[in-house]
Amino acid sequence: MKKEKNKQNDMVIYSIGVEVPITPTEPLPSLPVIPHGALVILEGRAPIWRYVMAFHALHGLASAVGIYDPRLGVVVVASHSTEYREGDILDIRI
């Protein structure tokens, strides 16, 4: 289901992209400040294992986590919020 989302203040962008090949020993960027109830959007060109590491780091901190896809927008992949459901596609461009 595609939704429009206008409340930018309850969204946090967490950029985990890399410019050069890396190994799993490379640390993630510091976590951003995550307000209570926020949707955290992971974005950036990175290996899938880096996305999973970031997702794990966000567990319990974010009310919902989305992954930015330049073709679709933000795809919600996990939610403990009534505002977002897994599989929602949010019309957000980064």
Protein backbone atom coordinates (compact mmCIF):
# COMPACT_ATOMS: atom_id res chain seq x y z
CA MET A 1 0.00 0.00 0.00
CA LYS A 2 1.47 3.38 -0.99
CA LYS A 3 1.03 6.22 1.48
CA GLU A 4 1.96 9.87 1.53
CA LYS A 5 3.79 10.96 4.63
CA ASN A 6 4.25 14.63 5.48
CA LYS A 7 5.34 14.68 9.13
CA GLN A 8 9.11 15.00 8.64
CA ASN A 9 9.69 15.69 12.35
CA ASP A 10 8.91 12.10 13.33
CA MET A 11 11.39 10.65 10.82
CA VAL A 12 15.11 10.18 11.22
CA ILE A 13 17.42 9.36 8.33
CA TYR A 14 20.33 7.05 9.17
CA SER A 15 22.86 7.00 6.32
CA ILE A 16 24.98 3.86 6.31
CA GLY A 17 26.32 4.04 2.74
CA VAL A 18 29.95 3.48 1.87
CA GLU A 19 32.08 4.73 -1.00
CA VAL A 20 34.56 1.85 -1.17
CA PRO A 21 34.33 -1.89 -0.49
CA ILE A 22 34.45 -2.67 3.24
CA THR A 23 34.50 -5.67 5.54
CA PRO A 24 32.10 -6.43 8.40
CA THR A 25 34.72 -5.17 10.87
CA GLU A 26 34.11 -1.59 9.68
CA PRO A 27 31.90 0.07 12.31
CA LEU A 28 28.54 1.59 11.54
CA PRO A 29 28.19 5.36 11.74
CA SER A 30 27.05 6.61 15.15
CA LEU A 31 23.34 6.22 15.69
CA PRO A 32 21.37 9.43 15.24
CA VAL A 33 19.19 10.89 17.98
CA ILE A 34 15.90 9.00 17.74
CA PRO A 35 12.87 10.76 19.24
CA HIS A 36 10.20 8.59 20.86
CA GLY A 37 7.83 7.23 18.21
CA ALA A 38 10.12 8.01 15.28
CA LEU A 39 10.40 6.15 12.00
CA VAL A 40 14.07 5.56 11.20
CA ILE A 41 14.92 5.39 7.51
CA LEU A 42 18.05 3.48 6.53
CA GLU A 43 19.64 4.69 3.33
CA GLY A 44 22.85 4.54 1.36
CA ARG A 45 24.68 2.16 -0.93
CA ALA A 46 26.01 -0.64 1.25
CA PRO A 47 26.24 -4.43 1.46
CA ILE A 48 23.13 -6.20 2.72
CA TRP A 49 24.95 -7.38 5.84
CA ARG A 50 25.58 -3.72 6.78
CA TYR A 51 21.84 -3.04 6.54
CA VAL A 52 21.15 -6.02 8.81
CA MET A 53 23.74 -4.79 11.32
CA ALA A 54 22.12 -1.33 11.33
CA PHE A 55 18.66 -2.85 11.69
CA HIS A 56 19.87 -4.84 14.70
CA ALA A 57 21.38 -1.70 16.26
CA LEU A 58 18.00 0.07 15.90
CA HIS A 59 16.00 -2.74 17.51
CA GLY A 60 14.13 -1.36 20.50
CA LEU A 61 15.07 2.25 19.72
CA ALA A 62 12.86 3.04 16.73
CA SER A 63 9.08 2.63 16.56
CA ALA A 64 9.43 1.67 12.92
CA VAL A 65 12.26 1.10 10.46
CA GLY A 66 12.11 1.71 6.73
CA ILE A 67 14.57 1.16 3.92
CA TYR A 68 14.93 3.80 1.22
CA ASP A 69 14.56 2.53 -2.33
CA PRO A 70 15.06 5.24 -4.96
CA ARG A 71 12.53 3.55 -7.27
CA LEU A 72 9.76 3.12 -4.67
CA GLY A 73 10.33 5.48 -1.77
CA VAL A 74 10.57 4.18 1.80
CA VAL A 75 9.53 0.58 2.43
CA VAL A 76 8.61 -0.12 6.05
CA VAL A 77 10.30 -3.36 7.10
CA ALA A 78 9.48 -3.42 10.82
CA SER A 79 6.99 -1.58 13.00
CA HIS A 80 5.78 -1.44 16.58
CA SER A 81 3.59 1.54 15.69
CA THR A 82 -0.05 1.81 14.73
CA GLU A 83 0.92 4.44 12.16
CA TYR A 84 3.09 2.12 10.05
CA ARG A 85 2.73 -1.47 8.91
CA GLU A 86 5.34 -3.77 7.42
CA GLY A 87 5.13 -3.49 3.66
CA ASP A 88 3.86 0.11 3.63
CA ILE A 89 5.50 2.17 0.90
CA LEU A 90 5.87 5.81 1.88
CA ASP A 91 6.11 8.45 -0.82
CA ILE A 92 9.31 10.00 0.52
CA ARG A 93 12.31 11.02 -1.58
CA ILE A 94 15.74 11.50 -0.07
